[in-house]
Amino acid sequence: MRWAGVSDVSVREQVVKSAIKAAVGGVLLTILAGAAHAEPVTFFGYILNASISGQYAPSYEGGKHYTGFPGGSVAITKPWEFDAFSAPDDAASFGLINTKHFQFGAALSVRENRGNDDELQGMRSIGWAFQGGGFMNIWPTRYMRIHVEGLKGLTAESGIVVNSGIDFVAHPKKWNLSVGPRYSWGDDHFNGTYFGVTQAEAVASPFITNPFHARAGSHFAGVEAMAEYKWQPRWRLTLNANYNRLLGDDANSPLVRQIGTPNQFGVGAGLRFMLQD
């Protein structure tokens, strides 16, 4: 990694991030220690199921340096839907329509914050971005899912991103296996927030010399694979890997072309479970 001086602010940010990671680990250990014989939490016939995971991926989207960080999601479903397929990159969801071949509902996602240290010196910081919207699943067969979700930034950014994918799914014995292509599109606000460079940022950056306007268009195309093992009746172990290739203006941004890379890889492992009393 190329260093160009680290400010006190960035040191404090690293301390805070380390503390958050430690807290997440402590919470997970507490959950595991007390949940062996607990009953699932139910609300009017629905259950809460959640996932906690660790990911190894680029430190920011478009970056070439990698880091580990915690992740997770929550879903509200009927009890018999606990083993219904969901991909690791799905947004957290609440189903409003659930049939054998079609699901539709609300979706919520969170994008991690982006600092402005190391190669990002001079760039503006971007806070944690909560995104809300909806999702749709279509199952032409039990072995194939078409997934689309549209999300709008509610904090830190106000852009719209549409994520889509096809998953080919198999269920041998205690396993859920899936693999499939991905495609994402972002509007002016979304692409501009994460891949644009203002004149002031270009002047302040020691690495980027020219401003850049990232227009609406393709965000990335890629592939996602997952293996999930049915460890206990209410517990699932998951492994996943993905590759995304940034496209269009996002790939041409100096944040990617000069100091990063359009080729984005990620791996993760996690635990999915029913929330319990």
C-alpha atoms as a PDB file:
ATOM      1  CA  MET A   1       0.000   0.000   0.000  1.00  0.00           C
ATOM      2  CA  ARG A   2       1.287   3.457  -0.815  1.00  0.00           C
ATOM      3  CA  TRP A   3       1.320   5.799   2.162  1.00  0.00           C
ATOM      4  CA  ALA A   4       1.439   9.569   1.954  1.00  0.00           C
ATOM      5  CA  GLY A   5       1.193  10.380   5.642  1.00  0.00           C
ATOM      6  CA  VAL A   6      -1.535   9.343   8.097  1.00  0.00           C
ATOM      7  CA  SER A   7      -3.420  12.006  10.028  1.00  0.00           C
ATOM      8  CA  ASP A   8      -4.600  11.771  13.649  1.00  0.00           C
ATOM      9  CA  VAL A   9      -8.134  11.538  12.281  1.00  0.00           C
ATOM     10  CA  SER A  10      -7.323   8.408  10.281  1.00  0.00           C
ATOM     11  CA  VAL A  11      -5.675   6.831  13.343  1.00  0.00           C
ATOM     12  CA  ARG A  12      -8.806   7.489  15.373  1.00  0.00           C
ATOM     13  CA  GLU A  13     -10.909   6.010  12.578  1.00  0.00           C
ATOM     14  CA  GLN A  14      -8.847   2.815  12.640  1.00  0.00           C
ATOM     15  CA  VAL A  15      -9.204   2.576  16.426  1.00  0.00           C
ATOM     16  CA  VAL A  16     -12.976   3.017  16.169  1.00  0.00           C
ATOM     17  CA  LYS A  17     -13.237   0.418  13.402  1.00  0.00           C
ATOM     18  CA  SER A  18     -11.174  -2.049  15.460  1.00  0.00           C
ATOM     19  CA  ALA A  19     -13.437  -1.460  18.454  1.00  0.00           C
ATOM     20  CA  ILE A  20     -16.531  -2.056  16.318  1.00  0.00           C
ATOM     21  CA  LYS A  21     -15.104  -5.312  14.991  1.00  0.00           C
ATOM     22  CA  ALA A  22     -14.272  -6.470  18.522  1.00  0.00           C
ATOM     23  CA  ALA A  23     -17.788  -5.585  19.716  1.00  0.00           C
ATOM     24  CA  VAL A  24     -19.370  -7.512  16.853  1.00  0.00           C
ATOM     25  CA  GLY A  25     -17.233 -10.539  17.736  1.00  0.00           C
ATOM     26  CA  GLY A  26     -18.275 -10.312  21.386  1.00  0.00           C
ATOM     27  CA  VAL A  27     -21.952 -10.111  20.491  1.00  0.00           C
ATOM     28  CA  LEU A  28     -21.621 -13.168  18.252  1.00  0.00           C
ATOM     29  CA  LEU A  29     -19.932 -15.197  20.987  1.00  0.00           C
ATOM     30  CA  THR A  30     -22.714 -14.246  23.428  1.00  0.00           C
ATOM     31  CA  ILE A  31     -25.366 -15.329  20.938  1.00  0.00           C
ATOM     32  CA  LEU A  32     -23.647 -18.657  20.324  1.00  0.00           C
ATOM     33  CA  ALA A  33     -23.202 -19.356  24.020  1.00  0.00           C
ATOM     34  CA  GLY A  34     -26.853 -18.841  24.952  1.00  0.00           C
ATOM     35  CA  ALA A  35     -28.827 -20.015  21.947  1.00  0.00           C
ATOM     36  CA  ALA A  36     -28.407 -23.791  21.901  1.00  0.00           C
ATOM     37  CA  HIS A  37     -31.851 -24.596  23.390  1.00  0.00           C
ATOM     38  CA  ALA A  38     -33.677 -21.291  22.932  1.00  0.00           C
ATOM     39  CA  GLU A  39     -36.931 -20.820  21.040  1.00  0.00           C
ATOM     40  CA  PRO A  40     -37.213 -18.678  17.917  1.00  0.00           C
ATOM     41  CA  VAL A  41     -38.480 -15.121  18.257  1.00  0.00           C
ATOM     42  CA  THR A  42     -41.899 -14.817  16.577  1.00  0.00           C
ATOM     43  CA  PHE A  43     -44.102 -11.822  15.757  1.00  0.00           C
ATOM     44  CA  PHE A  44     -47.638 -12.571  14.613  1.00  0.00           C
ATOM     45  CA  GLY A  45     -46.538 -15.792  12.963  1.00  0.00           C
ATOM     46  CA  TYR A  46     -43.327 -14.376  11.478  1.00  0.00           C
ATOM     47  CA  ILE A  47     -39.770 -15.160  12.547  1.00  0.00           C
ATOM     48  CA  LEU A  48     -36.637 -13.047  12.536  1.00  0.00           C
ATOM     49  CA  ASN A  49     -33.589 -14.641  10.939  1.00  0.00           C
ATOM     50  CA  ALA A  50     -30.238 -12.983  10.648  1.00  0.00           C
ATOM     51  CA  SER A  51     -26.744 -13.521   9.328  1.00  0.00           C
ATOM     52  CA  ILE A  52     -23.377 -12.473  10.732  1.00  0.00           C
ATOM     53  CA  SER A  53     -20.353 -12.745   8.475  1.00  0.00           C
ATOM     54  CA  GLY A  54     -16.782 -11.772   7.892  1.00  0.00           C
ATOM     55  CA  GLN A  55     -15.727 -10.484   4.478  1.00  0.00           C
ATOM     56  CA  TYR A  56     -12.374  -9.965   2.790  1.00  0.00           C
ATOM     57  CA  ALA A  57     -12.769  -7.442  -0.004  1.00  0.00           C
ATOM     58  CA  PRO A  58     -11.334  -4.169  -1.367  1.00  0.00           C
ATOM     59  CA  SER A  59     -11.074  -1.420   1.240  1.00  0.00           C
ATOM     60  CA  TYR A  60     -13.345   0.689  -0.994  1.00  0.00           C
ATOM     61  CA  GLU A  61     -15.206  -0.127  -4.184  1.00  0.00           C
ATOM     62  CA  GLY A  62     -12.708   0.313  -6.999  1.00  0.00           C
ATOM     63  CA  GLY A  63      -9.706  -0.008  -4.692  1.00  0.00           C
ATOM     64  CA  LYS A  64      -6.818  -2.423  -5.142  1.00  0.00           C
ATOM     65  CA  HIS A  65      -5.938  -2.934  -1.458  1.00  0.00           C
ATOM     66  CA  TYR A  66      -7.922  -5.475   0.540  1.00  0.00           C
ATOM     67  CA  THR A  67      -9.157  -5.602   4.120  1.00  0.00           C
ATOM     68  CA  GLY A  68     -11.404  -7.673   6.369  1.00  0.00           C
ATOM     69  CA  PHE A  69     -14.618  -6.340   7.858  1.00  0.00           C
ATOM     70  CA  PRO A  70     -17.821  -7.652   9.474  1.00  0.00           C
ATOM     71  CA  GLY A  71     -21.159  -7.839   7.703  1.00  0.00           C
ATOM     72  CA  GLY A  72     -24.673  -9.089   8.248  1.00  0.00           C
ATOM     73  CA  SER A  73     -28.339  -8.874   7.352  1.00  0.00           C
ATOM     74  CA  VAL A  74     -31.805  -9.447   8.826  1.00  0.00           C
ATOM     75  CA  ALA A  75     -34.927 -10.908   7.208  1.00  0.00           C
ATOM     76  CA  ILE A  76     -38.525 -11.298   8.420  1.00  0.00           C
ATOM     77  CA  THR A  77     -40.160 -14.468   7.089  1.00  0.00           C
ATOM     78  CA  LYS A  78     -42.615 -17.235   7.834  1.00  0.00           C
ATOM     79  CA  PRO A  79     -41.029 -20.193   9.729  1.00  0.00           C
ATOM     80  CA  TRP A  80     -41.159 -22.483   6.683  1.00  0.00           C
ATOM     81  CA  GLU A  81     -39.282 -19.861   4.663  1.00  0.00           C
ATOM     82  CA  PHE A  82     -36.146 -20.098   6.822  1.00  0.00           C
ATOM     83  CA  ASP A  83     -34.518 -22.410   4.281  1.00  0.00           C
ATOM     84  CA  ALA A  84     -35.827 -20.442   1.315  1.00  0.00           C
ATOM     85  CA  PHE A  85     -32.891 -19.485  -0.863  1.00  0.00           C
ATOM     86  CA  SER A  86     -31.259 -16.064  -0.546  1.00  0.00           C
ATOM     87  CA  ALA A  87     -27.899 -14.978  -1.937  1.00  0.00           C
ATOM     88  CA  PRO A  88     -25.156 -13.324   0.160  1.00  0.00           C
ATOM     89  CA  ASP A  89     -25.434 -10.100  -1.836  1.00  0.00           C
ATOM     90  CA  ASP A  90     -29.220  -9.780  -1.403  1.00  0.00           C
ATOM     91  CA  ALA A  91     -30.384  -6.736   0.530  1.00  0.00           C
ATOM     92  CA  ALA A  92     -32.180  -7.307   3.840  1.00  0.00           C
ATOM     93  CA  SER A  93     -35.816  -7.856   2.985  1.00  0.00           C
ATOM     94  CA  PHE A  94     -39.419  -8.081   4.137  1.00  0.00           C
ATOM     95  CA  GLY A  95     -41.653 -10.102   1.848  1.00  0.00           C
ATOM     96  CA  LEU A  96     -45.097  -8.711   1.047  1.00  0.00           C
ATOM     97  CA  ILE A  97     -45.995 -11.284  -1.606  1.00  0.00           C
ATOM     98  CA  ASN A  98     -44.639 -14.826  -1.263  1.00  0.00           C
ATOM     99  CA  THR A  99     -45.663 -17.541  -3.701  1.00  0.00           C
ATOM    100  CA  LYS A 100     -43.869 -20.554  -5.131  1.00  0.00           C
ATOM    101  CA  HIS A 101     -42.721 -18.706  -8.245  1.00  0.00           C
ATOM    102  CA  PHE A 102     -42.804 -15.044  -7.220  1.00  0.00           C
ATOM    103  CA  GLN A 103     -41.751 -12.913  -4.254  1.00  0.00           C
ATOM    104  CA  PHE A 104     -41.995  -9.155  -3.829  1.00  0.00           C
ATOM    105  CA  GLY A 105     -41.345  -6.830  -0.912  1.00  0.00           C
ATOM    106  CA  ALA A 106     -39.335  -4.103   0.780  1.00  0.00           C
ATOM    107  CA  ALA A 107     -35.540  -4.035   0.876  1.00  0.00           C
ATOM    108  CA  LEU A 108     -32.940  -2.268   3.014  1.00  0.00           C
ATOM    109  CA  SER A 109     -29.186  -2.168   2.538  1.00  0.00           C
ATOM    110  CA  VAL A 110     -26.159  -0.437   4.061  1.00  0.00           C
ATOM    111  CA  ARG A 111     -23.013   0.655   2.228  1.00  0.00           C
ATOM    112  CA  GLU A 112     -19.882   0.989   4.339  1.00  0.00           C
ATOM    113  CA  ASN A 113     -18.330   4.405   4.802  1.00  0.00           C
ATOM    114  CA  ARG A 114     -15.316   5.528   2.789  1.00  0.00           C
ATOM    115  CA  GLY A 115     -12.524   7.511   4.398  1.00  0.00           C
ATOM    116  CA  ASN A 116     -10.027   9.854   2.783  1.00  0.00           C
ATOM    117  CA  ASP A 117      -6.656   8.575   3.919  1.00  0.00           C
ATOM    118  CA  ASP A 118      -3.846   6.751   2.066  1.00  0.00           C
ATOM    119  CA  GLU A 119      -4.430   6.916  -1.715  1.00  0.00           C
ATOM    120  CA  LEU A 120      -7.783   8.651  -1.106  1.00  0.00           C
ATOM    121  CA  GLN A 121      -6.158  11.753   0.385  1.00  0.00           C
ATOM    122  CA  GLY A 122      -7.936  14.846  -0.832  1.00  0.00           C
ATOM    123  CA  MET A 123     -11.191  13.016  -1.549  1.00  0.00           C
ATOM    124  CA  ARG A 124     -14.294  13.780   0.511  1.00  0.00           C
ATOM    125  CA  SER A 125     -15.288  11.289   3.193  1.00  0.00           C
ATOM    126  CA  ILE A 126     -18.527   9.400   2.557  1.00  0.00           C
ATOM    127  CA  GLY A 127     -20.536   8.254   5.570  1.00  0.00           C
ATOM    128  CA  TRP A 128     -22.468   5.045   6.101  1.00  0.00           C
ATOM    129  CA  ALA A 129     -25.220   5.017   3.470  1.00  0.00           C
ATOM    130  CA  PHE A 130     -28.564   3.442   4.340  1.00  0.00           C
ATOM    131  CA  GLN A 131     -30.524   2.511   1.222  1.00  0.00           C
ATOM    132  CA  GLY A 132     -34.209   1.633   0.988  1.00  0.00           C
ATOM    133  CA  GLY A 133     -36.334   0.234  -1.799  1.00  0.00           C
ATOM    134  CA  GLY A 134     -37.853  -2.992  -3.008  1.00  0.00           C
ATOM    135  CA  PHE A 135     -37.013  -6.409  -4.427  1.00  0.00           C
ATOM    136  CA  MET A 136     -38.549  -8.999  -6.719  1.00  0.00           C
ATOM    137  CA  ASN A 137     -37.769 -12.697  -7.192  1.00  0.00           C
ATOM    138  CA  ILE A 138     -38.990 -14.832 -10.082  1.00  0.00           C
ATOM    139  CA  TRP A 139     -38.506 -18.619 -10.036  1.00  0.00           C
ATOM    140  CA  PRO A 140     -39.008 -20.073 -13.537  1.00  0.00           C
ATOM    141  CA  THR A 141     -37.978 -23.452 -12.038  1.00  0.00           C
ATOM    142  CA  ARG A 142     -36.951 -24.549  -8.534  1.00  0.00           C
ATOM    143  CA  TYR A 143     -33.322 -24.493  -9.711  1.00  0.00           C
ATOM    144  CA  MET A 144     -33.252 -20.953 -11.106  1.00  0.00           C
ATOM    145  CA  ARG A 145     -33.978 -17.567  -9.519  1.00  0.00           C
ATOM    146  CA  ILE A 146     -34.110 -14.152 -11.196  1.00  0.00           C
ATOM    147  CA  HIS A 147     -33.550 -11.385  -8.632  1.00  0.00           C
ATOM    148  CA  VAL A 148     -33.914  -7.602  -9.019  1.00  0.00           C
ATOM    149  CA  GLU A 149     -33.691  -4.943  -6.320  1.00  0.00           C
ATOM    150  CA  GLY A 150     -33.917  -1.173  -6.602  1.00  0.00           C
ATOM    151  CA  LEU A 151     -32.420   0.920  -3.802  1.00  0.00           C
ATOM    152  CA  LYS A 152     -32.304   4.669  -3.122  1.00  0.00           C
ATOM    153  CA  GLY A 153     -29.803   6.313  -0.810  1.00  0.00           C
ATOM    154  CA  LEU A 154     -31.376   7.659   2.381  1.00  0.00           C
ATOM    155  CA  THR A 155     -28.243   8.913   4.143  1.00  0.00           C
ATOM    156  CA  ALA A 156     -24.795  10.017   2.924  1.00  0.00           C
ATOM    157  CA  GLU A 157     -25.918   9.731  -0.706  1.00  0.00           C
ATOM    158  CA  SER A 158     -29.227  10.088  -2.553  1.00  0.00           C
ATOM    159  CA  GLY A 159     -28.579   8.018  -5.657  1.00  0.00           C
ATOM    160  CA  ILE A 160     -30.456   5.070  -7.092  1.00  0.00           C
ATOM    161  CA  VAL A 161     -28.836   1.715  -7.805  1.00  0.00           C
ATOM    162  CA  VAL A 162     -30.493  -1.303  -9.425  1.00  0.00           C
ATOM    163  CA  ASN A 163     -28.928  -4.704  -8.746  1.00  0.00           C
ATOM    164  CA  SER A 164     -29.919  -7.801 -10.679  1.00  0.00           C
ATOM    165  CA  GLY A 165     -28.800 -11.387 -10.965  1.00  0.00           C
ATOM    166  CA  ILE A 166     -29.633 -14.949 -11.903  1.00  0.00           C
ATOM    167  CA  ASP A 167     -28.880 -17.771  -9.471  1.00  0.00           C
ATOM    168  CA  PHE A 168     -28.671 -21.425 -10.429  1.00  0.00           C
ATOM    169  CA  VAL A 169     -29.492 -23.336  -7.250  1.00  0.00           C
ATOM    170  CA  ALA A 170     -28.988 -26.953  -6.122  1.00  0.00           C
ATOM    171  CA  HIS A 171     -29.899 -28.674  -2.819  1.00  0.00           C
ATOM    172  CA  PRO A 172     -27.819 -31.853  -2.366  1.00  0.00           C
ATOM    173  CA  LYS A 173     -28.573 -33.387   1.079  1.00  0.00           C
ATOM    174  CA  LYS A 174     -27.578 -30.813   3.750  1.00  0.00           C
ATOM    175  CA  TRP A 175     -26.270 -28.241   1.286  1.00  0.00           C
ATOM    176  CA  ASN A 176     -27.610 -25.211  -0.552  1.00  0.00           C
ATOM    177  CA  LEU A 177     -25.375 -24.371  -3.510  1.00  0.00           C
ATOM    178  CA  SER A 178     -25.691 -21.486  -5.947  1.00  0.00           C
ATOM    179  CA  VAL A 179     -23.792 -19.636  -8.640  1.00  0.00           C
ATOM    180  CA  GLY A 180     -24.827 -16.986 -11.122  1.00  0.00           C
ATOM    181  CA  PRO A 181     -24.130 -13.725 -12.968  1.00  0.00           C
ATOM    182  CA  ARG A 182     -24.687 -10.213 -11.643  1.00  0.00           C
ATOM    183  CA  TYR A 183     -25.331  -6.803 -13.188  1.00  0.00           C
ATOM    184  CA  SER A 184     -25.684  -3.422 -11.477  1.00  0.00           C
ATOM    185  CA  TRP A 185     -26.716   0.022 -12.764  1.00  0.00           C
ATOM    186  CA  GLY A 186     -26.376   3.380 -11.009  1.00  0.00           C
ATOM    187  CA  ASP A 187     -27.808   6.829 -11.671  1.00  0.00           C
ATOM    188  CA  ASP A 188     -25.892  10.125 -11.800  1.00  0.00           C
ATOM    189  CA  HIS A 189     -26.069  10.670  -8.049  1.00  0.00           C
ATOM    190  CA  PHE A 190     -24.927   7.162  -7.118  1.00  0.00           C
ATOM    191  CA  ASN A 191     -22.058   6.915  -9.615  1.00  0.00           C
ATOM    192  CA  GLY A 192     -21.072  10.527  -8.981  1.00  0.00           C
ATOM    193  CA  THR A 193     -20.867  10.010  -5.217  1.00  0.00           C
ATOM    194  CA  TYR A 194     -18.609   6.960  -5.341  1.00  0.00           C
ATOM    195  CA  PHE A 195     -16.665   7.487  -8.577  1.00  0.00           C
ATOM    196  CA  GLY A 196     -16.795  11.210  -9.350  1.00  0.00           C
ATOM    197  CA  VAL A 197     -13.935  13.622  -8.587  1.00  0.00           C
ATOM    198  CA  THR A 198     -14.600  17.332  -8.089  1.00  0.00           C
ATOM    199  CA  GLN A 199     -12.194  20.113  -9.073  1.00  0.00           C
ATOM    200  CA  ALA A 200     -11.420  20.756  -5.400  1.00  0.00           C
ATOM    201  CA  GLU A 201     -10.666  17.075  -4.806  1.00  0.00           C
ATOM    202  CA  ALA A 202      -8.369  16.907  -7.839  1.00  0.00           C
ATOM    203  CA  VAL A 203      -6.425  19.920  -6.524  1.00  0.00           C
ATOM    204  CA  ALA A 204      -6.185  18.428  -3.013  1.00  0.00           C
ATOM    205  CA  SER A 205      -5.201  14.900  -4.112  1.00  0.00           C
ATOM    206  CA  PRO A 206      -1.481  14.036  -4.471  1.00  0.00           C
ATOM    207  CA  PHE A 207      -2.407  11.240  -6.904  1.00  0.00           C
ATOM    208  CA  ILE A 208      -5.301  12.534  -9.067  1.00  0.00           C
ATOM    209  CA  THR A 209      -4.861  15.602 -11.258  1.00  0.00           C
ATOM    210  CA  ASN A 210      -8.120  15.976 -13.188  1.00  0.00           C
ATOM    211  CA  PRO A 211     -11.777  16.169 -12.110  1.00  0.00           C
ATOM    212  CA  PHE A 212     -14.164  13.498 -13.375  1.00  0.00           C
ATOM    213  CA  HIS A 213     -17.938  13.350 -13.790  1.00  0.00           C
ATOM    214  CA  ALA A 214     -19.364   9.821 -13.483  1.00  0.00           C
ATOM    215  CA  ARG A 215     -22.652   9.709 -15.368  1.00  0.00           C
ATOM    216  CA  ALA A 216     -25.572   7.318 -15.033  1.00  0.00           C
ATOM    217  CA  GLY A 217     -24.913   3.900 -16.503  1.00  0.00           C
ATOM    218  CA  SER A 218     -23.541   0.451 -15.872  1.00  0.00           C
ATOM    219  CA  HIS A 219     -21.987  -0.020 -12.456  1.00  0.00           C
ATOM    220  CA  PHE A 220     -20.561  -3.540 -12.674  1.00  0.00           C
ATOM    221  CA  ALA A 221     -21.039  -7.050 -14.033  1.00  0.00           C
ATOM    222  CA  GLY A 222     -19.867 -10.125 -12.181  1.00  0.00           C
ATOM    223  CA  VAL A 223     -20.567 -13.506 -10.666  1.00  0.00           C
ATOM    224  CA  GLU A 224     -21.522 -14.693  -7.159  1.00  0.00           C
ATOM    225  CA  ALA A 225     -21.180 -18.216  -5.719  1.00  0.00           C
ATOM    226  CA  MET A 226     -22.324 -19.611  -2.369  1.00  0.00           C
ATOM    227  CA  ALA A 227     -22.248 -22.858  -0.408  1.00  0.00           C
ATOM    228  CA  GLU A 228     -24.464 -23.156   2.697  1.00  0.00           C
ATOM    229  CA  TYR A 229     -24.375 -26.101   5.101  1.00  0.00           C
ATOM    230  CA  LYS A 230     -27.341 -27.052   7.323  1.00  0.00           C
ATOM    231  CA  TRP A 231     -25.391 -27.397  10.563  1.00  0.00           C
ATOM    232  CA  GLN A 232     -28.294 -27.468  13.051  1.00  0.00           C
ATOM    233  CA  PRO A 233     -32.101 -27.138  12.635  1.00  0.00           C
ATOM    234  CA  ARG A 234     -31.877 -23.349  13.150  1.00  0.00           C
ATOM    235  CA  TRP A 235     -28.278 -22.697  12.149  1.00  0.00           C
ATOM    236  CA  ARG A 236     -26.592 -22.495   8.753  1.00  0.00           C
ATOM    237  CA  LEU A 237     -22.919 -22.071   7.878  1.00  0.00           C
ATOM    238  CA  THR A 238     -22.148 -20.168   4.674  1.00  0.00           C
ATOM    239  CA  LEU A 239     -19.175 -19.604   2.381  1.00  0.00           C
ATOM    240  CA  ASN A 240     -19.278 -17.230  -0.557  1.00  0.00           C
ATOM    241  CA  ALA A 241     -17.037 -15.745  -3.220  1.00  0.00           C
ATOM    242  CA  ASN A 242     -17.612 -13.101  -5.867  1.00  0.00           C
ATOM    243  CA  TYR A 243     -15.959 -11.265  -8.717  1.00  0.00           C
ATOM    244  CA  ASN A 244     -17.202  -7.933 -10.100  1.00  0.00           C
ATOM    245  CA  ARG A 245     -15.820  -5.959 -13.019  1.00  0.00           C
ATOM    246  CA  LEU A 246     -16.563  -2.242 -12.858  1.00  0.00           C
ATOM    247  CA  LEU A 247     -17.998  -0.854 -16.090  1.00  0.00           C
ATOM    248  CA  GLY A 248     -18.626   2.406 -17.917  1.00  0.00           C
ATOM    249  CA  ASP A 249     -17.765   5.681 -16.222  1.00  0.00           C
ATOM    250  CA  ASP A 250     -17.182   3.867 -12.929  1.00  0.00           C
ATOM    251  CA  ALA A 251     -14.329   1.882 -14.503  1.00  0.00           C
ATOM    252  CA  ASN A 252     -12.963   5.030 -16.188  1.00  0.00           C
ATOM    253  CA  SER A 253     -12.912   7.067 -12.981  1.00  0.00           C
ATOM    254  CA  PRO A 254      -9.386   8.090 -11.879  1.00  0.00           C
ATOM    255  CA  LEU A 255     -10.270   6.562  -8.502  1.00  0.00           C
ATOM    256  CA  VAL A 256     -10.214   3.243 -10.339  1.00  0.00           C
ATOM    257  CA  ARG A 257      -7.997   3.821 -13.376  1.00  0.00           C
ATOM    258  CA  GLN A 258      -5.174   5.702 -11.597  1.00  0.00           C
ATOM    259  CA  ILE A 259      -5.151   4.463  -8.002  1.00  0.00           C
ATOM    260  CA  GLY A 260      -7.375   1.378  -8.051  1.00  0.00           C
ATOM    261  CA  THR A 261      -8.543  -1.442 -10.306  1.00  0.00           C
ATOM    262  CA  PRO A 262     -11.828  -2.375 -12.018  1.00  0.00           C
ATOM    263  CA  ASN A 263     -11.378  -6.022 -10.991  1.00  0.00           C
ATOM    264  CA  GLN A 264     -13.007  -6.558  -7.606  1.00  0.00           C
ATOM    265  CA  PHE A 265     -12.802  -9.884  -5.744  1.00  0.00           C
ATOM    266  CA  GLY A 266     -14.333 -10.871  -2.422  1.00  0.00           C
ATOM    267  CA  VAL A 267     -14.650 -13.921  -0.169  1.00  0.00           C
ATOM    268  CA  GLY A 268     -16.641 -14.416   2.998  1.00  0.00           C
ATOM    269  CA  ALA A 269     -17.802 -16.837   5.646  1.00  0.00           C
ATOM    270  CA  GLY A 270     -20.741 -16.504   7.974  1.00  0.00           C
ATOM    271  CA  LEU A 271     -23.494 -17.880  10.124  1.00  0.00           C
ATOM    272  CA  ARG A 272     -27.224 -17.635   9.448  1.00  0.00           C
ATOM    273  CA  PHE A 273     -29.705 -18.344  12.226  1.00  0.00           C
ATOM    274  CA  MET A 274     -33.174 -17.754  13.643  1.00  0.00           C
ATOM    275  CA  LEU A 275     -33.160 -15.065  16.330  1.00  0.00           C
ATOM    276  CA  GLN A 276     -34.055 -16.763  19.599  1.00  0.00           C
ATOM    277  CA  ASP A 277     -35.309 -15.947  23.091  1.00  0.00           C
END
